[in-house]
N, C-alpha and C. Protein backbone atom coordinates (compact mmCIF):
# COMPACT_ATOMS: atom_id res chain seq x y z
N MET A 1 -19.88 21.31 -27.42
CA MET A 1 -20.99 22.11 -27.76
C MET A 1 -22.40 22.20 -27.37
N TYR A 2 -22.70 21.07 -27.49
CA TYR A 2 -23.89 20.23 -26.96
C TYR A 2 -24.12 20.27 -25.63
N TYR A 3 -23.26 20.15 -24.64
CA TYR A 3 -23.34 19.97 -23.05
C TYR A 3 -23.20 21.64 -22.95
N ARG A 4 -22.41 22.44 -23.46
CA ARG A 4 -22.47 23.46 -23.17
C ARG A 4 -23.64 24.30 -23.32
N ASN A 5 -24.53 23.97 -24.25
CA ASN A 5 -25.54 25.24 -24.60
C ASN A 5 -26.73 24.61 -23.86
N LYS A 6 -26.76 23.05 -23.19
CA LYS A 6 -27.42 22.11 -22.47
C LYS A 6 -27.35 23.12 -21.07
N ALA A 7 -26.27 22.96 -20.64
CA ALA A 7 -25.99 24.19 -19.16
C ALA A 7 -25.91 25.31 -19.11
N ILE A 8 -25.96 25.86 -20.15
CA ILE A 8 -26.07 27.23 -19.93
C ILE A 8 -27.81 27.31 -19.84
N ASN A 9 -28.25 26.88 -20.87
CA ASN A 9 -30.06 26.80 -20.93
C ASN A 9 -30.59 26.17 -19.42
N CYS A 10 -30.05 25.69 -18.75
CA CYS A 10 -30.39 24.89 -17.42
C CYS A 10 -30.19 25.41 -16.61
N VAL A 11 -28.75 26.38 -15.95
CA VAL A 11 -28.30 27.57 -15.25
C VAL A 11 -28.87 28.94 -15.38
N LYS A 12 -28.80 29.55 -16.60
CA LYS A 12 -28.72 30.73 -16.55
C LYS A 12 -30.07 31.84 -16.10
N ASP A 13 -31.70 30.95 -16.05
CA ASP A 13 -32.23 31.68 -14.93
C ASP A 13 -32.56 31.30 -13.42
N THR A 14 -31.89 30.00 -13.19
CA THR A 14 -31.89 29.70 -11.99
C THR A 14 -31.01 29.98 -11.04
N VAL A 15 -30.00 28.99 -11.54
CA VAL A 15 -28.39 28.97 -10.57
C VAL A 15 -27.49 30.40 -10.70
N LEU A 16 -27.59 30.76 -11.60
CA LEU A 16 -26.53 31.81 -12.18
C LEU A 16 -27.17 33.10 -11.18
N PRO A 17 -28.76 33.45 -11.47
CA PRO A 17 -29.27 34.28 -10.58
C PRO A 17 -28.62 34.40 -9.36
N ILE A 18 -28.68 33.38 -8.72
CA ILE A 18 -28.68 33.20 -7.46
C ILE A 18 -27.31 33.21 -6.78
N MET A 19 -26.48 32.81 -7.64
CA MET A 19 -24.97 32.79 -7.51
C MET A 19 -24.45 33.84 -7.76
N ALA A 20 -24.98 35.09 -8.81
CA ALA A 20 -24.56 35.84 -8.79
C ALA A 20 -25.08 37.08 -7.58
N LYS A 21 -25.96 36.78 -7.06
CA LYS A 21 -26.74 37.99 -5.89
C LYS A 21 -25.89 37.28 -4.77
N GLN A 22 -25.42 36.02 -4.55
CA GLN A 22 -24.27 35.85 -3.22
C GLN A 22 -22.98 36.43 -3.66
N PHE A 23 -22.40 36.28 -4.86
CA PHE A 23 -20.60 36.89 -5.44
C PHE A 23 -21.09 38.30 -4.54
N GLU A 24 -22.46 38.85 -5.19
CA GLU A 24 -22.19 40.62 -5.12
C GLU A 24 -22.15 40.61 -3.53
N GLU A 25 -22.90 40.32 -2.96
CA GLU A 25 -23.16 40.41 -1.71
C GLU A 25 -22.35 39.83 -0.62
N CYS A 26 -21.07 39.29 -1.24
CA CYS A 26 -20.00 38.65 -0.89
C CYS A 26 -18.88 39.52 -1.41
N GLY A 27 -18.99 40.68 -1.78
CA GLY A 27 -18.10 41.85 -2.45
C GLY A 27 -17.17 41.14 -3.33
N CYS A 28 -17.96 40.60 -4.14
CA CYS A 28 -17.44 40.06 -5.38
C CYS A 28 -16.14 38.97 -5.47
N SER A 29 -16.07 38.10 -4.30
CA SER A 29 -15.25 37.70 -3.67
C SER A 29 -15.42 36.07 -3.83
N LEU A 30 -14.82 35.40 -4.80
CA LEU A 30 -15.43 33.52 -4.54
C LEU A 30 -14.87 32.95 -3.37
N ASP A 31 -13.85 33.27 -2.61
CA ASP A 31 -13.51 32.96 -1.63
C ASP A 31 -14.41 32.94 -0.17
N GLU A 32 -14.81 34.84 -0.29
CA GLU A 32 -15.90 35.05 0.66
C GLU A 32 -17.38 34.21 0.27
N GLN A 33 -17.46 33.97 -0.83
CA GLN A 33 -18.91 33.22 -1.06
C GLN A 33 -18.87 31.65 -0.40
N TYR A 34 -17.74 31.22 -1.08
CA TYR A 34 -17.86 29.82 -0.68
C TYR A 34 -17.62 29.63 0.88
N LYS A 35 -17.39 30.14 1.64
CA LYS A 35 -17.15 30.67 2.93
C LYS A 35 -18.56 30.40 3.92
N LYS A 36 -19.35 31.45 2.79
CA LYS A 36 -20.49 31.83 3.45
C LYS A 36 -21.62 31.08 2.94
N TYR A 37 -21.40 30.70 1.55
CA TYR A 37 -22.52 29.65 1.09
C TYR A 37 -22.20 28.13 0.53
N GLY A 38 -20.85 27.78 1.11
CA GLY A 38 -20.06 26.81 0.34
C GLY A 38 -20.53 25.37 1.16
N ASN A 39 -21.52 25.37 2.04
CA ASN A 39 -21.92 24.05 2.70
C ASN A 39 -23.60 24.14 2.77
N THR A 40 -24.48 24.05 2.03
CA THR A 40 -25.74 23.66 1.61
C THR A 40 -26.56 22.35 1.17
N GLU A 41 -27.42 22.14 1.38
CA GLU A 41 -28.00 20.68 0.74
C GLU A 41 -27.72 20.70 -0.45
N TYR A 42 -27.64 21.79 -1.42
CA TYR A 42 -27.63 21.67 -3.01
C TYR A 42 -25.83 21.43 -3.34
N PHE A 43 -25.19 22.28 -2.69
CA PHE A 43 -23.21 22.80 -3.48
C PHE A 43 -22.80 22.83 -2.12
N PHE A 44 -21.64 22.06 -2.37
CA PHE A 44 -20.67 22.49 -1.09
C PHE A 44 -19.00 23.00 -1.86
N ALA A 45 -18.11 23.99 -1.20
CA ALA A 45 -17.19 24.52 -1.55
C ALA A 45 -15.99 24.91 -0.78
N GLU A 46 -14.85 24.17 -1.46
CA GLU A 46 -13.42 24.05 -0.63
C GLU A 46 -12.61 25.03 -0.83
N ILE A 47 -12.21 26.01 -0.09
CA ILE A 47 -11.01 26.86 -0.92
C ILE A 47 -9.92 25.82 -0.42
N ILE A 48 -8.93 25.47 -1.58
CA ILE A 48 -7.85 24.63 -1.59
C ILE A 48 -6.48 25.72 -1.63
N GLN A 49 -6.74 26.97 -2.80
CA GLN A 49 -5.79 28.12 -2.20
C GLN A 49 -6.33 29.46 -2.70
N PRO A 50 -6.29 30.38 -1.55
CA PRO A 50 -6.90 31.48 -1.31
C PRO A 50 -7.29 32.19 -3.23
N GLU A 51 -8.38 32.30 -3.82
CA GLU A 51 -8.46 33.33 -4.83
C GLU A 51 -7.60 32.28 -6.04
N HIS A 52 -7.57 31.05 -6.21
CA HIS A 52 -6.89 30.10 -7.18
C HIS A 52 -7.54 29.07 -7.23
N ILE A 53 -7.63 28.10 -6.03
CA ILE A 53 -8.12 26.91 -6.39
C ILE A 53 -9.08 26.04 -5.41
N TYR A 54 -9.85 25.75 -5.78
CA TYR A 54 -11.41 25.49 -5.08
C TYR A 54 -12.18 23.74 -5.20
N GLU A 55 -12.30 23.20 -4.68
CA GLU A 55 -12.96 22.14 -4.90
C GLU A 55 -14.36 22.51 -4.50
N ILE A 56 -15.19 22.27 -5.27
CA ILE A 56 -16.57 22.32 -5.57
C ILE A 56 -17.70 21.05 -5.50
N GLY A 57 -18.70 21.27 -5.73
CA GLY A 57 -19.24 20.32 -6.27
C GLY A 57 -21.01 19.67 -5.79
N TYR A 58 -21.69 18.96 -5.74
CA TYR A 58 -23.21 18.85 -5.39
C TYR A 58 -23.00 17.30 -4.24
N PRO A 59 -23.75 17.79 -3.32
CA PRO A 59 -24.17 16.13 -2.66
C PRO A 59 -24.63 15.30 -2.97
N LYS A 60 -25.41 15.70 -4.50
CA LYS A 60 -26.20 14.54 -4.92
C LYS A 60 -26.30 14.92 -6.58
N CYS A 61 -26.77 13.80 -7.34
CA CYS A 61 -26.74 14.35 -8.12
C CYS A 61 -28.39 15.28 -8.63
N PHE A 62 -28.50 16.50 -9.15
CA PHE A 62 -29.55 17.04 -9.26
C PHE A 62 -30.23 17.32 -10.63
N CYS A 63 -29.40 16.65 -12.03
CA CYS A 63 -29.21 16.47 -13.29
C CYS A 63 -30.80 16.07 -13.37
N PRO A 64 -31.74 17.31 -13.94
CA PRO A 64 -33.31 16.61 -14.40
C PRO A 64 -33.26 15.50 -15.24
N ASP A 65 -32.21 15.63 -16.57
CA ASP A 65 -32.38 14.23 -17.32
C ASP A 65 -31.79 12.97 -16.37
N VAL A 66 -30.87 13.01 -15.48
CA VAL A 66 -30.79 11.88 -14.49
C VAL A 66 -32.09 11.86 -13.85
N LEU A 67 -32.30 12.53 -13.10
CA LEU A 67 -33.59 12.17 -11.87
C LEU A 67 -34.80 11.82 -12.61
N CYS A 68 -35.15 11.92 -13.96
CA CYS A 68 -36.61 11.21 -14.37
C CYS A 68 -36.31 10.17 -15.25
N GLY A 69 -34.97 9.65 -15.12
CA GLY A 69 -34.33 8.63 -15.69
C GLY A 69 -33.69 8.34 -17.22
N LYS A 70 -34.05 9.55 -17.87
CA LYS A 70 -34.03 9.85 -19.15
C LYS A 70 -32.48 9.62 -19.61
N ASN A 71 -31.44 10.20 -18.91
CA ASN A 71 -29.99 9.69 -19.09
C ASN A 71 -29.54 9.17 -17.87
N LYS A 72 -28.50 7.92 -17.85
CA LYS A 72 -27.62 7.66 -17.06
C LYS A 72 -26.64 6.77 -17.67
N GLU A 73 -25.83 8.47 -18.63
CA GLU A 73 -24.50 8.10 -19.17
C GLU A 73 -23.87 9.06 -18.37
N VAL A 74 -22.49 8.53 -17.89
CA VAL A 74 -21.56 9.43 -17.14
C VAL A 74 -21.01 10.74 -18.13
N SER A 75 -21.38 10.66 -19.24
CA SER A 75 -20.71 11.83 -20.43
C SER A 75 -21.84 12.90 -19.71
N ILE A 76 -23.45 13.00 -18.88
CA ILE A 76 -23.93 13.90 -19.28
C ILE A 76 -23.62 14.94 -18.07
N CYS A 77 -22.32 14.08 -17.18
CA CYS A 77 -21.83 14.83 -15.98
C CYS A 77 -21.12 15.74 -16.68
N GLU A 78 -20.62 16.02 -17.97
CA GLU A 78 -19.97 17.16 -18.49
C GLU A 78 -20.93 18.43 -18.48
N CYS A 79 -22.33 18.48 -18.57
CA CYS A 79 -22.97 19.44 -18.67
C CYS A 79 -22.67 20.26 -16.87
N SER A 80 -22.74 19.48 -15.96
CA SER A 80 -22.28 20.07 -14.87
C SER A 80 -20.88 20.80 -15.02
N ARG A 81 -20.07 20.41 -15.25
CA ARG A 81 -18.77 20.97 -15.56
C ARG A 81 -19.09 22.43 -15.82
N GLN A 82 -19.77 22.19 -17.40
CA GLN A 82 -19.61 23.29 -18.43
C GLN A 82 -20.39 24.50 -17.44
N SER A 83 -21.46 23.81 -16.88
CA SER A 83 -22.46 24.89 -16.22
C SER A 83 -21.55 25.56 -15.13
N ILE A 84 -20.67 24.89 -14.08
CA ILE A 84 -19.66 25.51 -13.53
C ILE A 84 -18.85 26.44 -14.14
N ILE A 85 -18.00 26.40 -15.15
CA ILE A 85 -17.92 27.38 -16.32
C ILE A 85 -18.57 28.57 -16.29
N TYR A 86 -19.49 28.04 -16.72
CA TYR A 86 -20.83 29.41 -17.38
C TYR A 86 -21.11 30.70 -16.35
N VAL A 87 -21.10 29.90 -15.47
CA VAL A 87 -21.46 30.66 -13.92
C VAL A 87 -20.43 31.29 -13.56
N LEU A 88 -18.94 30.86 -13.71
CA LEU A 88 -17.97 31.54 -13.27
C LEU A 88 -17.50 32.12 -14.10
N GLU A 89 -17.54 32.33 -15.30
CA GLU A 89 -17.13 33.11 -16.30
C GLU A 89 -18.05 34.26 -16.36
N ASN A 90 -19.54 34.39 -16.06
CA ASN A 90 -20.26 35.37 -15.61
C ASN A 90 -20.22 36.04 -14.70
N LEU A 91 -19.85 35.33 -13.94
CA LEU A 91 -19.34 36.28 -12.04
C LEU A 91 -17.88 36.95 -12.29
N ILE A 92 -17.04 36.68 -12.77
CA ILE A 92 -15.74 37.49 -13.20
C ILE A 92 -15.21 36.82 -14.73
N PRO A 93 -15.59 38.06 -15.75
CA PRO A 93 -15.76 38.05 -17.27
C PRO A 93 -14.14 38.06 -17.39
N ASN A 94 -12.92 38.44 -16.09
CA ASN A 94 -11.97 38.91 -16.79
C ASN A 94 -10.94 37.58 -16.40
N LYS A 95 -11.60 36.68 -16.28
CA LYS A 95 -10.45 35.82 -15.54
C LYS A 95 -11.12 34.27 -16.46
N LYS A 96 -9.73 33.67 -16.17
CA LYS A 96 -9.72 32.11 -17.27
C LYS A 96 -10.15 31.05 -16.37
N PHE A 97 -10.80 30.04 -16.61
CA PHE A 97 -10.84 28.70 -15.59
C PHE A 97 -11.07 27.86 -16.33
N THR A 98 -10.12 26.83 -15.31
CA THR A 98 -10.59 25.69 -15.98
C THR A 98 -10.70 24.81 -14.78
N VAL A 99 -12.21 23.75 -14.92
CA VAL A 99 -12.73 22.86 -13.83
C VAL A 99 -12.93 21.61 -14.82
N GLU A 100 -12.26 20.77 -13.28
CA GLU A 100 -11.66 19.30 -14.00
C GLU A 100 -12.97 18.50 -13.11
N THR A 101 -13.42 17.27 -13.80
CA THR A 101 -14.50 16.66 -13.01
C THR A 101 -13.21 15.69 -12.10
N ILE A 102 -13.80 15.73 -10.73
CA ILE A 102 -12.54 14.49 -9.79
C ILE A 102 -13.33 13.33 -9.63
N GLU A 103 -14.76 13.80 -9.85
CA GLU A 103 -15.84 12.11 -9.66
C GLU A 103 -17.32 12.92 -9.31
N THR A 104 -17.98 12.18 -10.14
CA THR A 104 -19.46 12.17 -10.07
C THR A 104 -20.25 11.20 -9.43
N VAL A 105 -21.33 10.95 -8.79
CA VAL A 105 -22.15 10.39 -8.81
C VAL A 105 -22.91 9.07 -9.93
N LEU A 106 -22.57 9.18 -11.35
CA LEU A 106 -22.91 8.38 -12.52
C LEU A 106 -22.23 7.43 -12.84
N ASN A 107 -20.61 7.95 -11.98
CA ASN A 107 -19.68 7.25 -12.19
C ASN A 107 -19.21 6.61 -10.83
N GLY A 108 -20.03 6.49 -9.99
CA GLY A 108 -19.78 5.49 -8.54
C GLY A 108 -19.71 6.35 -7.67
N ALA A 109 -19.55 7.47 -7.66
CA ALA A 109 -19.00 8.10 -6.13
C ALA A 109 -20.10 8.85 -5.43
N GLU A 110 -19.86 9.04 -4.10
CA GLU A 110 -20.75 9.25 -3.09
C GLU A 110 -21.92 10.73 -3.61
N LYS A 111 -20.70 12.01 -4.48
CA LYS A 111 -20.90 12.72 -4.62
C LYS A 111 -20.57 13.43 -6.05
N CYS A 112 -20.32 14.67 -6.55
CA CYS A 112 -20.49 15.26 -7.55
C CYS A 112 -19.19 16.15 -6.95
N ARG A 113 -17.60 16.15 -7.99
CA ARG A 113 -16.51 17.21 -7.00
C ARG A 113 -15.92 17.39 -8.14
N PHE A 114 -15.75 18.81 -8.38
CA PHE A 114 -14.98 19.49 -9.41
C PHE A 114 -13.69 20.53 -8.89
N ARG A 115 -12.37 20.47 -9.37
CA ARG A 115 -11.76 21.19 -9.05
C ARG A 115 -11.20 22.25 -10.10
N VAL A 116 -11.67 23.40 -9.21
CA VAL A 116 -11.83 24.95 -9.97
C VAL A 116 -10.41 25.60 -10.24
N ILE A 117 -9.79 25.85 -11.03
CA ILE A 117 -8.55 26.99 -11.07
C ILE A 117 -8.88 27.95 -11.79
N VAL A 118 -8.60 28.99 -11.21
CA VAL A 118 -8.64 30.26 -11.27
C VAL A 118 -7.63 30.71 -11.92
N GLU A 119 -7.59 31.30 -13.34
CA GLU A 119 -6.19 31.68 -13.95
C GLU A 119 -6.20 33.45 -13.38
């Protein structure tokens, strides 16, 4: 619950409004949103199975706690996973989402990657 609350506080006034605007602009379709906005300096997305499975992530760690040196524990990456769930639940409240961590910068990867499954 700690990381869920931390994630919500981190993205509710920043990432969520941006993603919501993009989502609406793209006809409320994750596929269309990820096609249009899925390759930026802050975010990437790949459609694995349309309307069902995606791989999304960040080309580097953007966590303020990590960047300022406050936290270097891999467990903080749960906050990113929770933020993805929170944003998706707000974009499409009638769907269930499973988000799995594939790899993160803090566990030695070059980027942070997550698998998203839309039920």
